Amino acid sequence: MKPALLSIMVGVNDIWHKMNGKYEWTAEDYRTGFTALIAESKKELPKLQIVVCEPFALRCGAVKDS
């Protein structure tokens, strides 16, 4: 696949894993992975447009007001 547009919404699932105590990654791990994803995508598809969406969490399942 060679898309013209890539939308990225990272971190959304991380919040409930963190709340359940099953998330051990750090902010540095997150930044390193995100940077690598962008670099590799642009290397393979130099004209690729990238849209980064702001992560959010909705109250449901493991996500509570607290």
N, C-alpha and C. Protein backbone atom coordinates (compact mmCIF):
# COMPACT_ATOMS: atom_id res chain seq x y z
N MET A 1 0.85 -1.18 0.00
CA MET A 1 0.00 0.00 0.00
C MET A 1 0.89 1.24 0.00
N LYS A 2 0.45 2.22 -0.72
CA LYS A 2 1.17 3.48 -0.78
C LYS A 2 0.18 4.63 -0.59
N PRO A 3 -0.23 4.86 0.64
CA PRO A 3 -1.23 5.90 0.88
C PRO A 3 -0.66 7.29 0.65
N ALA A 4 -1.54 8.24 0.36
CA ALA A 4 -1.16 9.64 0.23
C ALA A 4 -1.25 10.34 1.58
N LEU A 5 -2.04 9.77 2.49
CA LEU A 5 -2.27 10.39 3.79
C LEU A 5 -2.21 9.32 4.87
N LEU A 6 -1.54 9.65 5.94
CA LEU A 6 -1.46 8.75 7.10
C LEU A 6 -1.95 9.52 8.32
N SER A 7 -3.00 9.03 8.96
CA SER A 7 -3.46 9.65 10.20
C SER A 7 -2.99 8.78 11.36
N ILE A 8 -2.44 9.43 12.37
CA ILE A 8 -1.87 8.72 13.51
C ILE A 8 -2.55 9.20 14.78
N MET A 9 -3.01 8.25 15.56
CA MET A 9 -3.61 8.56 16.85
C MET A 9 -3.01 7.59 17.86
N VAL A 10 -1.82 7.92 18.31
CA VAL A 10 -1.11 7.04 19.23
C VAL A 10 -1.40 7.44 20.67
N GLY A 11 -1.31 6.47 21.54
CA GLY A 11 -1.47 6.73 22.95
C GLY A 11 -2.86 6.46 23.48
N VAL A 12 -3.83 6.27 22.62
CA VAL A 12 -5.21 6.10 23.06
C VAL A 12 -5.36 4.83 23.90
N ASN A 13 -4.83 3.72 23.44
CA ASN A 13 -4.95 2.48 24.19
C ASN A 13 -4.02 2.44 25.40
N ASP A 14 -2.97 3.25 25.37
CA ASP A 14 -2.01 3.25 26.47
C ASP A 14 -2.65 3.66 27.80
N ILE A 15 -3.61 4.57 27.77
CA ILE A 15 -4.19 5.08 29.01
C ILE A 15 -4.85 3.98 29.82
N TRP A 16 -5.62 3.11 29.20
CA TRP A 16 -6.29 2.09 30.00
C TRP A 16 -5.32 0.99 30.41
N HIS A 17 -4.28 0.74 29.60
CA HIS A 17 -3.26 -0.22 30.04
C HIS A 17 -2.53 0.34 31.28
N LYS A 18 -2.25 1.64 31.27
CA LYS A 18 -1.59 2.28 32.41
C LYS A 18 -2.48 2.19 33.65
N MET A 19 -3.76 2.42 33.47
CA MET A 19 -4.68 2.40 34.60
C MET A 19 -4.82 0.99 35.18
N ASN A 20 -4.64 -0.03 34.35
CA ASN A 20 -4.71 -1.41 34.82
C ASN A 20 -3.35 -1.92 35.32
N GLY A 21 -2.35 -1.05 35.32
CA GLY A 21 -1.03 -1.44 35.80
C GLY A 21 -0.27 -2.35 34.84
N LYS A 22 -0.65 -2.35 33.58
CA LYS A 22 -0.02 -3.24 32.60
C LYS A 22 0.79 -2.46 31.57
N TYR A 23 1.22 -1.26 31.91
CA TYR A 23 1.95 -0.41 30.98
C TYR A 23 3.23 0.05 31.65
N GLU A 24 4.35 -0.30 31.05
CA GLU A 24 5.63 0.02 31.68
C GLU A 24 6.49 0.95 30.83
N TRP A 25 5.97 1.40 29.70
CA TRP A 25 6.76 2.27 28.83
C TRP A 25 6.86 3.65 29.44
N THR A 26 7.92 4.36 29.07
CA THR A 26 8.13 5.73 29.56
C THR A 26 7.81 6.73 28.46
N ALA A 27 7.81 8.00 28.81
CA ALA A 27 7.60 9.05 27.81
C ALA A 27 8.70 9.00 26.76
N GLU A 28 9.91 8.66 27.17
CA GLU A 28 11.03 8.54 26.22
C GLU A 28 10.79 7.39 25.24
N ASP A 29 10.29 6.26 25.72
CA ASP A 29 9.95 5.14 24.83
C ASP A 29 8.90 5.58 23.80
N TYR A 30 7.92 6.30 24.28
CA TYR A 30 6.84 6.79 23.41
C TYR A 30 7.41 7.70 22.33
N ARG A 31 8.26 8.65 22.76
CA ARG A 31 8.84 9.61 21.81
C ARG A 31 9.73 8.91 20.79
N THR A 32 10.54 7.96 21.25
CA THR A 32 11.42 7.23 20.35
C THR A 32 10.62 6.46 19.30
N GLY A 33 9.59 5.76 19.72
CA GLY A 33 8.76 4.99 18.80
C GLY A 33 8.02 5.88 17.82
N PHE A 34 7.49 6.99 18.30
CA PHE A 34 6.75 7.92 17.45
C PHE A 34 7.68 8.53 16.40
N THR A 35 8.87 8.95 16.84
CA THR A 35 9.85 9.54 15.92
C THR A 35 10.26 8.53 14.85
N ALA A 36 10.47 7.29 15.24
CA ALA A 36 10.85 6.24 14.28
C ALA A 36 9.72 5.99 13.28
N LEU A 37 8.48 5.97 13.74
CA LEU A 37 7.33 5.77 12.87
C LEU A 37 7.26 6.87 11.80
N ILE A 38 7.42 8.11 12.21
CA ILE A 38 7.38 9.23 11.27
C ILE A 38 8.54 9.14 10.28
N ALA A 39 9.75 8.90 10.78
CA ALA A 39 10.94 8.84 9.92
C ALA A 39 10.83 7.72 8.89
N GLU A 40 10.42 6.54 9.32
CA GLU A 40 10.30 5.41 8.40
C GLU A 40 9.21 5.65 7.35
N SER A 41 8.10 6.23 7.78
CA SER A 41 7.01 6.52 6.85
C SER A 41 7.45 7.52 5.79
N LYS A 42 8.14 8.58 6.22
CA LYS A 42 8.59 9.60 5.27
C LYS A 42 9.70 9.08 4.36
N LYS A 43 10.52 8.17 4.87
CA LYS A 43 11.57 7.58 4.05
C LYS A 43 10.96 6.75 2.91
N GLU A 44 9.97 5.95 3.25
CA GLU A 44 9.32 5.09 2.26
C GLU A 44 8.42 5.88 1.30
N LEU A 45 7.77 6.91 1.83
CA LEU A 45 6.82 7.69 1.04
C LEU A 45 7.08 9.18 1.28
N PRO A 46 8.09 9.75 0.60
CA PRO A 46 8.50 11.14 0.86
C PRO A 46 7.38 12.17 0.73
N LYS A 47 6.40 11.93 -0.12
CA LYS A 47 5.31 12.90 -0.32
C LYS A 47 4.12 12.64 0.60
N LEU A 48 4.26 11.69 1.49
CA LEU A 48 3.18 11.33 2.40
C LEU A 48 2.79 12.50 3.29
N GLN A 49 1.51 12.77 3.36
CA GLN A 49 1.00 13.76 4.31
C GLN A 49 0.65 13.02 5.59
N ILE A 50 1.03 13.62 6.70
CA ILE A 50 0.79 12.98 8.00
C ILE A 50 -0.07 13.89 8.86
N VAL A 51 -1.12 13.31 9.40
CA VAL A 51 -2.01 14.02 10.32
C VAL A 51 -1.87 13.34 11.68
N VAL A 52 -1.49 14.12 12.69
CA VAL A 52 -1.36 13.59 14.04
C VAL A 52 -2.56 14.07 14.84
N CYS A 53 -3.35 13.12 15.32
CA CYS A 53 -4.56 13.44 16.08
C CYS A 53 -4.22 13.48 17.58
N GLU A 54 -4.88 14.35 18.28
CA GLU A 54 -4.66 14.45 19.72
C GLU A 54 -5.35 13.28 20.42
N PRO A 55 -4.59 12.52 21.21
CA PRO A 55 -5.19 11.39 21.93
C PRO A 55 -6.23 11.89 22.95
N PHE A 56 -7.22 11.08 23.18
CA PHE A 56 -8.24 11.39 24.19
C PHE A 56 -8.75 10.08 24.76
N ALA A 57 -9.42 10.17 25.87
CA ALA A 57 -10.00 8.97 26.48
C ALA A 57 -11.45 9.26 26.83
N LEU A 58 -12.31 8.32 26.54
CA LEU A 58 -13.72 8.41 26.91
C LEU A 58 -13.98 7.53 28.11
N ARG A 59 -14.85 7.97 29.00
CA ARG A 59 -15.21 7.15 30.15
C ARG A 59 -15.98 5.93 29.68
N CYS A 60 -15.33 4.81 29.74
CA CYS A 60 -15.99 3.54 29.41
C CYS A 60 -15.03 2.42 29.79
N GLY A 61 -15.55 1.28 30.10
CA GLY A 61 -14.71 0.14 30.45
C GLY A 61 -13.76 0.47 31.59
N ALA A 62 -12.46 0.35 31.34
CA ALA A 62 -11.45 0.56 32.37
C ALA A 62 -11.23 2.05 32.67
N VAL A 63 -11.66 2.95 31.80
CA VAL A 63 -11.44 4.38 32.00
C VAL A 63 -12.58 4.98 32.82
N LYS A 64 -12.21 5.45 33.99
CA LYS A 64 -13.18 6.05 34.93
C LYS A 64 -12.85 7.53 35.13
N ASP A 65 -13.68 8.25 35.83
CA ASP A 65 -13.43 9.66 36.10
C ASP A 65 -12.11 9.88 36.82
N SER A 66 -11.71 8.94 37.64
CA SER A 66 -10.47 9.11 38.42
C SER A 66 -9.25 9.05 37.53
